[in-house]
C-alpha atoms as a PDB file:
ATOM      1  CA  UNK A   1     -25.381-105.501  26.312  1.00  0.00           C
ATOM      2  CA  UNK A   2     -23.997-102.285  27.754  1.00  0.00           C
ATOM      3  CA  UNK A   3     -25.655 -98.934  27.142  1.00  0.00           C
ATOM      4  CA  UNK A   4     -23.260 -96.019  26.931  1.00  0.00           C
ATOM      5  CA  UNK A   5     -22.881 -92.599  25.286  1.00  0.00           C
ATOM      6  CA  UNK A   6     -19.216 -91.710  25.694  1.00  0.00           C
ATOM      7  CA  UNK A   7     -18.469 -88.519  23.746  1.00  0.00           C
ATOM      8  CA  UNK A   8     -14.781 -87.607  23.599  1.00  0.00           C
ATOM      9  CA  UNK A   9     -12.955 -84.626  22.174  1.00  0.00           C
ATOM     10  CA  UNK A  10      -9.426 -85.925  21.567  1.00  0.00           C
ATOM     11  CA  UNK A  11      -6.485 -83.683  20.685  1.00  0.00           C
ATOM     12  CA  UNK A  12      -2.970 -84.771  19.773  1.00  0.00           C
ATOM     13  CA  UNK A  13      -0.081 -83.151  17.967  1.00  0.00           C
ATOM     14  CA  UNK A  14       2.795 -84.001  15.710  1.00  0.00           C
ATOM     15  CA  UNK A  15       6.210 -84.720  17.178  1.00  0.00           C
ATOM     16  CA  UNK A  16       8.047 -81.459  17.909  1.00  0.00           C
ATOM     17  CA  UNK A  17       4.971 -79.581  16.591  1.00  0.00           C
ATOM     18  CA  UNK A  18       6.254 -80.007  13.049  1.00  0.00           C
ATOM     19  CA  UNK A  19       3.612 -78.803  10.561  1.00  0.00           C
ATOM     20  CA  UNK A  20       3.587 -82.179   8.822  1.00  0.00           C
ATOM     21  CA  UNK A  21      -0.106 -82.595   8.003  1.00  0.00           C
ATOM     22  CA  UNK A  22      -0.223 -81.096   4.519  1.00  0.00           C
ATOM     23  CA  UNK A  23      -3.498 -79.173   4.241  1.00  0.00           C
ATOM     24  CA  UNK A  24      -3.971 -80.147   0.581  1.00  0.00           C
ATOM     25  CA  UNK A  25      -3.895 -83.813   1.598  1.00  0.00           C
ATOM     26  CA  UNK A  26      -5.462 -83.768   5.063  1.00  0.00           C
ATOM     27  CA  UNK A  27      -8.728 -85.275   3.817  1.00  0.00           C
ATOM     28  CA  UNK A  28      -6.857 -88.462   2.845  1.00  0.00           C
ATOM     29  CA  UNK A  29      -5.598 -88.732   6.426  1.00  0.00           C
ATOM     30  CA  UNK A  30      -9.066 -87.973   7.780  1.00  0.00           C
ATOM     31  CA  UNK A  31     -10.558 -90.765   5.648  1.00  0.00           C
ATOM     32  CA  UNK A  32      -7.927 -93.182   6.933  1.00  0.00           C
ATOM     33  CA  UNK A  33      -8.745 -92.222  10.535  1.00  0.00           C
ATOM     34  CA  UNK A  34     -12.469 -92.522   9.871  1.00  0.00           C
ATOM     35  CA  UNK A  35     -11.867 -96.085   8.651  1.00  0.00           C
ATOM     36  CA  UNK A  36      -9.914 -96.952  11.809  1.00  0.00           C
ATOM     37  CA  UNK A  37     -12.617 -95.477  14.042  1.00  0.00           C
ATOM     38  CA  UNK A  38     -15.326 -97.387  12.180  1.00  0.00           C
ATOM     39  CA  UNK A  39     -13.286-100.611  12.403  1.00  0.00           C
ATOM     40  CA  UNK A  40     -13.226-100.181  16.202  1.00  0.00           C
ATOM     41  CA  UNK A  41     -17.048 -99.836  16.196  1.00  0.00           C
ATOM     42  CA  UNK A  42     -16.866 -96.216  17.274  1.00  0.00           C
ATOM     43  CA  UNK A  43     -18.576 -93.197  15.727  1.00  0.00           C
ATOM     44  CA  UNK A  44     -16.593 -90.239  14.403  1.00  0.00           C
ATOM     45  CA  UNK A  45     -18.659 -87.057  14.382  1.00  0.00           C
ATOM     46  CA  UNK A  46     -15.946 -84.627  13.336  1.00  0.00           C
ATOM     47  CA  UNK A  47     -12.256 -84.532  12.589  1.00  0.00           C
ATOM     48  CA  UNK A  48     -10.216 -81.441  11.883  1.00  0.00           C
ATOM     49  CA  UNK A  49      -7.076 -79.662  12.786  1.00  0.00           C
ATOM     50  CA  UNK A  50      -4.015 -77.894  11.594  1.00  0.00           C
ATOM     51  CA  UNK A  51      -0.689 -78.977  10.118  1.00  0.00           C
ATOM     52  CA  UNK A  52       0.672 -79.641  13.644  1.00  0.00           C
ATOM     53  CA  UNK A  53      -2.298 -81.210  15.451  1.00  0.00           C
ATOM     54  CA  UNK A  54      -5.631 -83.005  15.137  1.00  0.00           C
ATOM     55  CA  UNK A  55      -8.983 -82.870  16.889  1.00  0.00           C
ATOM     56  CA  UNK A  56     -11.460 -85.747  16.872  1.00  0.00           C
ATOM     57  CA  UNK A  57     -14.939 -85.692  18.325  1.00  0.00           C
ATOM     58  CA  UNK A  58     -16.242 -89.195  18.628  1.00  0.00           C
ATOM     59  CA  UNK A  59     -18.322 -91.670  20.493  1.00  0.00           C
ATOM     60  CA  UNK A  60     -16.121 -94.364  21.997  1.00  0.00           C
ATOM     61  CA  UNK A  61     -17.347 -97.940  21.910  1.00  0.00           C
ATOM     62  CA  UNK A  62     -18.056 -99.293  25.414  1.00  0.00           C
ATOM     63  CA  UNK A  63     -15.621-102.182  25.024  1.00  0.00           C
ATOM     64  CA  UNK A  64     -12.619 -99.898  24.440  1.00  0.00           C
ATOM     65  CA  UNK A  65     -10.475 -98.018  26.922  1.00  0.00           C
ATOM     66  CA  UNK A  66      -9.660 -94.494  25.797  1.00  0.00           C
ATOM     67  CA  UNK A  67      -5.907 -94.908  26.297  1.00  0.00           C
ATOM     68  CA  UNK A  68      -5.859 -98.124  24.250  1.00  0.00           C
ATOM     69  CA  UNK A  69      -7.863 -96.515  21.470  1.00  0.00           C
ATOM     70  CA  UNK A  70      -5.607 -93.435  21.264  1.00  0.00           C
ATOM     71  CA  UNK A  71      -2.443 -95.553  21.369  1.00  0.00           C
ATOM     72  CA  UNK A  72      -3.697 -97.768  18.532  1.00  0.00           C
ATOM     73  CA  UNK A  73      -4.883 -94.751  16.535  1.00  0.00           C
ATOM     74  CA  UNK A  74      -1.564 -92.933  16.857  1.00  0.00           C
ATOM     75  CA  UNK A  75       0.453 -96.096  16.113  1.00  0.00           C
ATOM     76  CA  UNK A  76      -1.538 -96.993  13.011  1.00  0.00           C
ATOM     77  CA  UNK A  77      -1.735 -93.476  11.586  1.00  0.00           C
ATOM     78  CA  UNK A  78       1.929 -92.865  12.414  1.00  0.00           C
ATOM     79  CA  UNK A  79       3.022 -95.873  10.367  1.00  0.00           C
ATOM     80  CA  UNK A  80       0.668 -94.931   7.561  1.00  0.00           C
ATOM     81  CA  UNK A  81       1.866 -91.309   7.458  1.00  0.00           C
ATOM     82  CA  UNK A  82       5.558 -92.278   7.489  1.00  0.00           C
ATOM     83  CA  UNK A  83       4.972 -94.533   4.476  1.00  0.00           C
ATOM     84  CA  UNK A  84       2.869 -91.989   2.594  1.00  0.00           C
ATOM     85  CA  UNK A  85       4.692 -89.649   0.216  1.00  0.00           C
ATOM     86  CA  UNK A  86       1.947 -87.013   0.639  1.00  0.00           C
ATOM     87  CA  UNK A  87       3.272 -86.240   4.142  1.00  0.00           C
ATOM     88  CA  UNK A  88       7.071 -86.067   3.764  1.00  0.00           C
ATOM     89  CA  UNK A  89       7.697 -84.011   6.927  1.00  0.00           C
ATOM     90  CA  UNK A  90       5.882 -86.374   9.291  1.00  0.00           C
ATOM     91  CA  UNK A  91       8.255 -87.809  11.924  1.00  0.00           C
ATOM     92  CA  UNK A  92       5.723 -89.120  14.402  1.00  0.00           C
ATOM     93  CA  UNK A  93       3.098 -88.052  16.907  1.00  0.00           C
ATOM     94  CA  UNK A  94       3.852 -86.292  20.156  1.00  0.00           C
ATOM     95  CA  UNK A  95       3.949 -88.507  23.232  1.00  0.00           C
ATOM     96  CA  UNK A  96       0.899 -87.036  24.969  1.00  0.00           C
ATOM     97  CA  UNK A  97      -2.729 -86.385  24.111  1.00  0.00           C
ATOM     98  CA  UNK A  98      -5.669 -84.612  25.680  1.00  0.00           C
ATOM     99  CA  UNK A  99      -9.201 -85.965  25.886  1.00  0.00           C
ATOM    100  CA  UNK A 100     -12.305 -84.310  27.254  1.00  0.00           C
ATOM    101  CA  UNK A 101     -15.792 -85.688  27.787  1.00  0.00           C
ATOM    102  CA  UNK A 102     -18.990 -83.943  26.802  1.00  0.00           C
ATOM    103  CA  UNK A 103     -22.688 -84.549  27.167  1.00  0.00           C
ATOM    104  CA  UNK A 104     -25.090 -84.981  24.238  1.00  0.00           C
ATOM    105  CA  UNK A 105     -26.314 -81.400  24.617  1.00  0.00           C
ATOM    106  CA  UNK A 106     -22.784 -80.111  23.878  1.00  0.00           C
ATOM    107  CA  UNK A 107     -22.250 -82.263  20.789  1.00  0.00           C
ATOM    108  CA  UNK A 108     -23.142 -79.651  18.163  1.00  0.00           C
ATOM    109  CA  UNK A 109     -20.971 -76.973  19.781  1.00  0.00           C
ATOM    110  CA  UNK A 110     -17.906 -79.242  19.820  1.00  0.00           C
ATOM    111  CA  UNK A 111     -18.507 -80.249  16.193  1.00  0.00           C
ATOM    112  CA  UNK A 112     -18.650 -76.551  15.195  1.00  0.00           C
ATOM    113  CA  UNK A 113     -15.504 -75.828  17.226  1.00  0.00           C
ATOM    114  CA  UNK A 114     -13.549 -78.520  15.378  1.00  0.00           C
ATOM    115  CA  UNK A 115     -14.985 -77.485  11.996  1.00  0.00           C
ATOM    116  CA  UNK A 116     -13.732 -73.922  12.617  1.00  0.00           C
ATOM    117  CA  UNK A 117     -10.134 -74.869  13.438  1.00  0.00           C
ATOM    118  CA  UNK A 118      -8.565 -73.009  10.511  1.00  0.00           C
ATOM    119  CA  UNK A 119     -10.330 -69.754  11.477  1.00  0.00           C
ATOM    120  CA  UNK A 120      -9.687 -70.302  15.185  1.00  0.00           C
ATOM    121  CA  UNK A 121      -5.956 -70.775  14.695  1.00  0.00           C
ATOM    122  CA  UNK A 122      -5.602 -67.580  12.703  1.00  0.00           C
ATOM    123  CA  UNK A 123      -5.772 -65.922  16.147  1.00  0.00           C
ATOM    124  CA  UNK A 124      -4.852 -68.598  18.692  1.00  0.00           C
ATOM    125  CA  UNK A 125      -1.784 -70.853  18.820  1.00  0.00           C
ATOM    126  CA  UNK A 126      -2.036 -74.571  19.476  1.00  0.00           C
ATOM    127  CA  UNK A 127      -0.396 -74.070  22.876  1.00  0.00           C
ATOM    128  CA  UNK A 128      -2.906 -71.349  23.844  1.00  0.00           C
ATOM    129  CA  UNK A 129      -5.782 -73.509  22.641  1.00  0.00           C
ATOM    130  CA  UNK A 130      -4.622 -76.509  24.662  1.00  0.00           C
ATOM    131  CA  UNK A 131      -4.039 -74.431  27.790  1.00  0.00           C
ATOM    132  CA  UNK A 132      -7.579 -73.046  27.487  1.00  0.00           C
ATOM    133  CA  UNK A 133      -9.139 -76.475  26.991  1.00  0.00           C
ATOM    134  CA  UNK A 134      -7.244 -77.883  29.963  1.00  0.00           C
ATOM    135  CA  UNK A 135      -8.291 -74.960  32.165  1.00  0.00           C
ATOM    136  CA  UNK A 136     -11.940 -75.241  31.092  1.00  0.00           C
ATOM    137  CA  UNK A 137     -11.905 -78.884  32.141  1.00  0.00           C
ATOM    138  CA  UNK A 138     -10.103 -78.335  35.429  1.00  0.00           C
ATOM    139  CA  UNK A 139      -6.898 -80.103  34.393  1.00  0.00           C
ATOM    140  CA  UNK A 140      -3.695 -79.040  36.089  1.00  0.00           C
ATOM    141  CA  UNK A 141      -0.779 -78.475  33.749  1.00  0.00           C
ATOM    142  CA  UNK A 142       2.535 -80.035  34.641  1.00  0.00           C
ATOM    143  CA  UNK A 143       4.978 -77.828  32.746  1.00  0.00           C
ATOM    144  CA  UNK A 144       7.593 -80.604  32.739  1.00  0.00           C
ATOM    145  CA  UNK A 145       5.433 -82.581  30.322  1.00  0.00           C
ATOM    146  CA  UNK A 146       3.299 -79.956  28.636  1.00  0.00           C
ATOM    147  CA  UNK A 147       3.862 -79.858  24.873  1.00  0.00           C
ATOM    148  CA  UNK A 148       6.299 -82.823  25.049  1.00  0.00           C
END
């Protein structure tokens, strides 16, 4: 048995930043994602976002690679959203994602941050938010691929 605590804050956006996640129906999408996360034996602590992007804070199961998990999550939810009449504007997910690790002592702060997305984005755009997160985590931005 492996012993791990792998906390990830994962952010990904809709294709072309289209505001396709209908706020009135976002909880249905969140429940679907929660089911996928649970099926993969992971723990979802918080999900939230805006019509053009999502944030997940979760504990990744030790037997999964982050890139495989995100690919499967985006593929499954993408198919589900395209076949769901509640999200008629959804065309797909953007090609990239961002993921940041945190320690257990930061867990509550990240959960609050994701819970406050609607308030946060009244003042900050998704692009500004992502640039800030990347800078805070020491990630260099390659402008050729940023927001693609």
